[in-house]
Amino acid sequence: MNSKPYSALHSVLQGKRLIAFDLDGTLIDSVPDLAVAVQKTLEALSLPLPKEAEVRDWVGNGAPVLIERALTWALQARPEAELQKRAYDAFITHYSAAPDTLTTLYPGVKQALQALHQQGMILVLITNKPERFIEPLLSHFELLDYFTLWLGGDSLAEKKPHPLPLLHAAQTCQIPPAACVMVGDSRHDIAAGKAAGFATVALPYGYNHGEPIENSQPDLLLASLSALLCSPA
């Protein structure tokens, strides 16, 4: 078998050396497991339970915001700080118990990461998900070896859409921002990429709060990660 099944990369990657990927909604569909954890959290509080489709629109800004949105929906009012903390702690417990039971890789993700890695691209992961969940999920899907660095929403003082995580990754890997690309599914990924001076690539199949990702005006919109690769002649 040819160890490098792709002979070239998409033109957006010409001159680029580092690709930063979002996780939820970009590499994995984690909403089914997140929804179960949210439902268990609200059920214990005797609150109404959202459907998975509703949780899908709440994902993207990190676990604390996810729980705040869930509580606001259930209460029809913003939650008090004590309830927010109690619900967040319960959610983390439920999600920690089963973060990968229903979660799946999007089609073509593993093949694309493997090919990009083989062609010498530096791959990093920048997600707003708590850092504690990143390594177990990457390991579960056998993606760990492709990434040089990963950052969660609680790894630094700021998270996406702030550019700090992207700039930190570029500096750590000693790659100038102009030679970097941010690949994600939400407006927060695109905003962070633009603010950091990265080229931006958007995927339409993930979580963007019900809004078309093209509204964020990424440099490139692709149907899948496989489109970053060119098949051999």
Protein backbone atom coordinates (compact mmCIF):
# COMPACT_ATOMS: atom_id res chain seq x y z
CA MET A 1 0.00 0.00 0.00
CA ASN A 2 1.24 3.48 -0.83
CA SER A 3 2.04 5.23 2.44
CA LYS A 4 1.31 8.61 0.81
CA PRO A 5 -1.93 8.16 -1.11
CA TYR A 6 -2.25 11.88 -1.85
CA SER A 7 0.18 13.59 -4.17
CA ALA A 8 -0.68 17.20 -3.37
CA LEU A 9 -2.54 19.46 -1.01
CA HIS A 10 -5.27 22.03 -1.61
CA SER A 11 -3.99 25.40 -2.78
CA VAL A 12 -5.04 27.00 0.54
CA LEU A 13 -2.24 24.98 2.14
CA GLN A 14 0.48 26.15 -0.22
CA GLY A 15 3.20 27.78 1.86
CA LYS A 16 1.51 26.70 5.11
CA ARG A 17 3.28 24.64 7.75
CA LEU A 18 0.80 24.37 10.63
CA ILE A 19 -2.90 23.43 10.64
CA ALA A 20 -5.00 24.02 13.75
CA PHE A 21 -8.18 21.95 14.00
CA ASP A 22 -11.24 22.42 16.13
CA LEU A 23 -12.54 19.18 17.71
CA ASP A 24 -16.30 19.06 18.30
CA GLY A 25 -18.21 19.51 15.06
CA THR A 26 -15.01 19.39 13.00
CA LEU A 27 -13.32 16.06 13.72
CA ILE A 28 -15.95 14.37 15.89
CA ASP A 29 -19.71 14.51 16.34
CA SER A 30 -19.82 14.59 20.13
CA VAL A 31 -23.34 15.99 20.55
CA PRO A 32 -25.01 12.62 21.28
CA ASP A 33 -22.83 12.08 24.38
CA LEU A 34 -23.01 15.74 25.40
CA ALA A 35 -26.80 15.65 25.11
CA VAL A 36 -27.06 12.59 27.35
CA ALA A 37 -24.91 14.29 30.00
CA VAL A 38 -27.00 17.48 29.79
CA GLN A 39 -30.22 15.50 30.05
CA LYS A 40 -29.00 13.58 33.11
CA THR A 41 -27.93 16.84 34.73
CA LEU A 42 -31.29 18.52 34.22
CA GLU A 43 -33.23 15.39 35.14
CA ALA A 44 -31.54 15.32 38.56
CA LEU A 45 -32.67 18.91 39.05
CA SER A 46 -36.27 18.03 38.06
CA LEU A 47 -36.05 20.38 35.08
CA PRO A 48 -37.38 19.90 31.52
CA LEU A 49 -35.16 17.81 29.25
CA PRO A 50 -33.97 19.16 25.89
CA LYS A 51 -33.79 17.12 22.72
CA GLU A 52 -30.44 16.34 21.13
CA ALA A 53 -31.17 18.83 18.33
CA GLU A 54 -31.50 21.64 20.88
CA VAL A 55 -28.22 20.73 22.57
CA ARG A 56 -26.56 20.78 19.15
CA ASP A 57 -27.22 24.53 18.90
CA TRP A 58 -25.74 25.17 22.37
CA VAL A 59 -22.33 23.58 21.74
CA GLY A 60 -19.23 25.54 20.79
CA ASN A 61 -18.31 27.92 23.59
CA GLY A 62 -17.12 25.42 26.18
CA ALA A 63 -18.85 23.36 28.87
CA PRO A 64 -19.73 26.23 31.28
CA VAL A 65 -21.60 28.08 28.52
CA LEU A 66 -23.28 24.87 27.37
CA ILE A 67 -24.68 24.33 30.87
CA GLU A 68 -25.68 27.98 31.21
CA ARG A 69 -27.61 27.74 27.94
CA ALA A 70 -29.26 24.49 29.02
CA LEU A 71 -30.32 25.94 32.37
CA THR A 72 -31.56 29.17 30.78
CA TRP A 73 -33.66 27.10 28.36
CA ALA A 74 -35.07 24.91 31.14
CA LEU A 75 -35.75 27.75 33.59
CA GLN A 76 -36.70 30.37 31.00
CA ALA A 77 -34.38 32.63 32.96
CA ARG A 78 -30.67 32.95 33.63
CA PRO A 79 -29.53 30.58 36.40
CA GLU A 80 -28.13 31.78 39.69
CA ALA A 81 -24.41 31.22 40.22
CA GLU A 82 -24.88 28.45 42.81
CA LEU A 83 -27.17 26.45 40.54
CA GLN A 84 -24.85 27.03 37.58
CA LYS A 85 -21.89 25.61 39.52
CA ARG A 86 -23.85 22.63 40.85
CA ALA A 87 -25.16 21.79 37.39
CA TYR A 88 -21.73 22.20 35.80
CA ASP A 89 -20.11 19.87 38.32
CA ALA A 90 -22.85 17.28 37.72
CA PHE A 91 -22.48 17.60 33.96
CA ILE A 92 -18.71 17.03 34.14
CA THR A 93 -19.30 13.92 36.24
CA HIS A 94 -21.87 12.51 33.80
CA TYR A 95 -19.83 13.36 30.71
CA SER A 96 -16.61 12.00 32.21
CA ALA A 97 -18.33 8.65 32.73
CA ALA A 98 -19.14 8.27 29.02
CA PRO A 99 -17.46 10.80 26.68
CA ASP A 100 -17.14 8.45 23.71
CA THR A 101 -20.06 6.01 23.86
CA LEU A 102 -22.13 7.66 21.11
CA THR A 103 -19.52 10.05 19.69
CA THR A 104 -18.31 9.33 16.15
CA LEU A 105 -15.61 10.52 13.77
CA TYR A 106 -16.82 12.41 10.75
CA PRO A 107 -16.15 10.61 7.44
CA GLY A 108 -12.63 10.99 6.06
CA VAL A 109 -11.17 12.60 9.18
CA LYS A 110 -8.61 9.95 10.08
CA GLN A 111 -7.45 9.52 6.48
CA ALA A 112 -7.05 13.29 6.06
CA LEU A 113 -5.08 13.72 9.30
CA GLN A 114 -2.85 10.79 8.42
CA ALA A 115 -2.10 12.16 4.95
CA LEU A 116 -1.45 15.70 6.20
CA HIS A 117 0.84 14.38 8.93
CA GLN A 118 2.72 12.18 6.47
CA GLN A 119 3.33 15.17 4.21
CA GLY A 120 5.03 17.05 7.02
CA MET A 121 2.29 19.41 8.17
CA ILE A 122 2.34 20.28 11.88
CA LEU A 123 -1.11 19.50 13.28
CA VAL A 124 -2.47 21.03 16.48
CA LEU A 125 -5.86 20.83 18.15
CA ILE A 126 -7.55 23.92 19.58
CA THR A 127 -10.94 23.34 21.16
CA ASN A 128 -13.13 25.06 23.73
CA LYS A 129 -13.80 21.66 25.33
CA PRO A 130 -12.19 21.22 28.78
CA GLU A 131 -8.62 19.99 28.32
CA ARG A 132 -9.17 16.89 30.45
CA PHE A 133 -11.31 15.31 27.72
CA ILE A 134 -8.99 15.90 24.75
CA GLU A 135 -6.37 13.19 25.20
CA PRO A 136 -8.88 10.42 26.05
CA LEU A 137 -10.97 11.24 22.97
CA LEU A 138 -7.98 11.45 20.64
CA SER A 139 -6.70 8.19 22.05
CA HIS A 140 -10.09 6.50 21.67
CA PHE A 141 -10.21 7.38 17.98
CA GLU A 142 -6.49 6.61 17.48
CA LEU A 143 -5.67 10.21 16.48
CA LEU A 144 -3.25 11.07 19.26
CA ASP A 145 -0.05 10.54 17.29
CA TYR A 146 -1.02 13.03 14.59
CA PHE A 147 -1.04 16.06 16.89
CA THR A 148 1.98 17.97 18.16
CA LEU A 149 -0.05 20.06 20.61
CA TRP A 150 -3.59 20.30 21.94
CA LEU A 151 -5.28 23.09 23.89
CA GLY A 152 -8.64 23.10 25.64
CA GLY A 153 -10.94 25.93 26.63
CA ASP A 154 -9.37 25.98 30.09
CA SER A 155 -5.73 25.59 29.01
CA LEU A 156 -5.03 29.32 28.75
CA ALA A 157 -6.47 32.59 30.03
CA GLU A 158 -8.62 32.96 26.91
CA LYS A 159 -10.42 30.62 24.52
CA LYS A 160 -11.81 30.97 20.99
CA PRO A 161 -12.99 33.35 19.53
CA HIS A 162 -10.04 35.07 21.23
CA PRO A 163 -6.88 34.54 19.14
CA LEU A 164 -4.66 33.69 22.14
CA PRO A 165 -4.84 29.86 21.79
CA LEU A 166 -3.96 30.06 18.10
CA LEU A 167 -1.10 32.49 18.67
CA HIS A 168 0.17 30.35 21.55
CA ALA A 169 0.18 27.27 19.31
CA ALA A 170 2.01 29.10 16.54
CA GLN A 171 4.60 30.47 18.95
CA THR A 172 5.08 27.10 20.67
CA CYS A 173 5.64 25.39 17.31
CA GLN A 174 7.78 28.32 16.09
CA ILE A 175 5.62 28.90 13.01
CA PRO A 176 4.60 32.44 11.97
CA PRO A 177 0.82 33.00 11.85
CA ALA A 178 0.98 33.70 8.12
CA ALA A 179 2.07 30.07 7.65
CA CYS A 180 -0.84 28.70 9.71
CA VAL A 181 -4.40 27.62 8.94
CA MET A 182 -7.42 27.32 11.26
CA VAL A 183 -9.95 24.65 10.32
CA GLY A 184 -13.29 24.64 12.11
CA ASP A 185 -17.06 24.51 11.95
CA SER A 186 -18.19 27.60 13.85
CA ARG A 187 -18.00 31.35 13.71
CA HIS A 188 -15.74 31.26 16.77
CA ASP A 189 -13.12 29.26 14.86
CA ILE A 190 -13.22 31.66 11.93
CA ALA A 191 -13.14 34.77 14.15
CA ALA A 192 -10.18 33.40 16.12
CA GLY A 193 -8.36 32.51 12.92
CA LYS A 194 -8.85 35.92 11.37
CA ALA A 195 -7.79 37.70 14.56
CA ALA A 196 -4.64 35.55 14.79
CA GLY A 197 -3.65 36.14 11.17
CA PHE A 198 -4.30 32.50 10.16
CA ALA A 199 -5.90 31.45 6.90
CA THR A 200 -9.38 30.10 7.70
CA VAL A 201 -11.14 26.99 6.41
CA ALA A 202 -14.75 26.25 7.36
CA LEU A 203 -16.72 23.02 7.33
CA PRO A 204 -20.53 23.22 7.03
CA TYR A 205 -21.58 20.04 8.83
CA GLY A 206 -20.78 20.90 12.46
CA TYR A 207 -22.22 23.16 15.13
CA ASN A 208 -22.65 26.85 14.42
CA HIS A 209 -25.64 27.79 16.56
CA GLY A 210 -28.00 27.24 13.62
CA GLU A 211 -26.25 29.79 11.41
CA PRO A 212 -24.67 29.13 7.99
CA ILE A 213 -20.91 29.09 8.48
CA GLU A 214 -20.40 30.98 5.22
CA ASN A 215 -21.81 34.04 7.00
CA SER A 216 -18.49 34.22 8.85
CA GLN A 217 -16.68 34.69 5.52
CA PRO A 218 -13.93 32.08 5.85
CA ASP A 219 -11.17 32.07 3.29
CA LEU A 220 -12.38 28.67 2.10
CA LEU A 221 -15.50 26.54 2.61
CA LEU A 222 -15.03 22.80 2.12
CA ALA A 223 -17.54 19.96 2.27
CA SER A 224 -15.16 17.68 4.20
CA LEU A 225 -11.60 17.40 5.44
CA SER A 226 -10.83 15.11 2.52
CA ALA A 227 -11.10 18.14 0.24
CA LEU A 228 -7.84 19.45 1.73
CA LEU A 229 -6.15 16.63 -0.17
CA CYS A 230 -5.69 16.08 -3.87
CA SER A 231 -5.84 12.53 -5.20
CA PRO A 232 -2.88 11.30 -7.22
CA ALA A 233 -3.12 11.42 -10.99
